[in-house]
């Protein structure tokens, strides 16, 4: 009778290592920087379109979600 060989270990068995955590964090901040760059381009576009469009941008920027996004973008930029 042959023994059943174990299936390859699942992610829950491994301890998170600093290199793997930093690699995942680097990918997340890269996505945040891509999204933040789009928002910066929208800022320039709304400035060029006129004051009424810029007010809409400022309303988004001063909202809770806009503040969270820009704080995250700033953190990712500094990381």
Protein backbone atom coordinates (compact mmCIF):
# COMPACT_ATOMS: atom_id res chain seq x y z
CA UNK A 1 0.00 0.00 0.00
CA UNK A 2 1.56 3.32 -1.04
CA UNK A 3 1.34 6.45 1.05
CA UNK A 4 -0.52 9.42 -0.26
CA UNK A 5 1.96 12.15 -1.01
CA UNK A 6 0.96 15.60 0.25
CA UNK A 7 -0.23 18.18 -2.19
CA UNK A 8 2.02 21.21 -2.53
CA UNK A 9 1.75 23.57 0.47
CA UNK A 10 -0.86 26.26 0.45
CA UNK A 11 -0.10 29.95 1.07
CA UNK A 12 -1.43 29.70 4.61
CA UNK A 13 1.49 27.49 5.62
CA UNK A 14 4.18 29.97 4.63
CA UNK A 15 5.19 32.89 6.84
CA UNK A 16 5.14 36.23 5.01
CA UNK A 17 8.69 37.29 4.29
CA UNK A 18 9.76 40.91 4.06
CA UNK A 19 10.75 40.53 0.41
CA UNK A 20 7.39 39.09 -0.65
CA UNK A 21 5.44 41.69 1.33
CA UNK A 22 7.47 44.53 -0.19
CA UNK A 23 7.02 43.06 -3.66
CA UNK A 24 3.24 42.98 -3.27
CA UNK A 25 3.26 46.48 -1.78
CA UNK A 26 5.38 47.71 -4.70
CA UNK A 27 2.80 46.41 -7.18
CA UNK A 28 -0.06 48.04 -5.27
CA UNK A 29 1.69 51.40 -5.16
CA UNK A 30 2.45 51.10 -8.89
CA UNK A 31 -1.26 50.78 -9.61
CA UNK A 32 -1.97 53.72 -7.29
CA UNK A 33 0.60 55.84 -9.13
CA UNK A 34 -0.98 55.00 -12.48
CA UNK A 35 -4.40 56.02 -11.22
CA UNK A 36 -3.01 59.17 -9.58
CA UNK A 37 -1.28 60.18 -12.80
CA UNK A 38 -4.63 60.02 -14.59
CA UNK A 39 -6.09 62.32 -11.92
CA UNK A 40 -3.22 64.77 -12.39
CA UNK A 41 -3.86 64.81 -16.13
CA UNK A 42 -7.55 65.47 -15.43
CA UNK A 43 -6.48 68.39 -13.24
CA UNK A 44 -4.58 69.95 -16.16
CA UNK A 45 -7.44 69.25 -18.57
CA UNK A 46 -10.02 70.85 -16.29
CA UNK A 47 -7.78 73.87 -15.90
CA UNK A 48 -7.60 74.25 -19.66
CA UNK A 49 -11.37 73.79 -20.13
CA UNK A 50 -12.33 76.65 -17.87
CA UNK A 51 -13.48 77.59 -14.42
CA UNK A 52 -16.77 75.68 -14.44
CA UNK A 53 -15.07 72.35 -15.14
CA UNK A 54 -12.35 73.11 -12.60
CA UNK A 55 -15.00 73.60 -9.92
CA UNK A 56 -16.25 70.06 -10.54
CA UNK A 57 -12.70 68.81 -10.12
CA UNK A 58 -12.33 70.76 -6.88
CA UNK A 59 -15.61 69.32 -5.58
CA UNK A 60 -14.28 65.81 -6.21
CA UNK A 61 -10.89 66.69 -4.74
CA UNK A 62 -12.40 68.09 -1.54
CA UNK A 63 -14.74 65.12 -1.04
CA UNK A 64 -13.86 62.34 1.39
CA UNK A 65 -13.10 59.85 -1.41
CA UNK A 66 -10.99 62.40 -3.28
CA UNK A 67 -8.97 63.15 -0.16
CA UNK A 68 -8.35 59.44 0.47
CA UNK A 69 -7.26 58.95 -3.14
CA UNK A 70 -4.84 61.87 -3.08
CA UNK A 71 -3.38 60.90 0.29
CA UNK A 72 -2.84 57.38 -1.09
CA UNK A 73 -1.27 58.82 -4.23
CA UNK A 74 1.07 60.97 -2.16
CA UNK A 75 2.04 57.99 -0.02
CA UNK A 76 2.69 55.85 -3.11
CA UNK A 77 4.74 58.64 -4.64
CA UNK A 78 6.92 58.85 -1.55
CA UNK A 79 7.22 55.07 -1.20
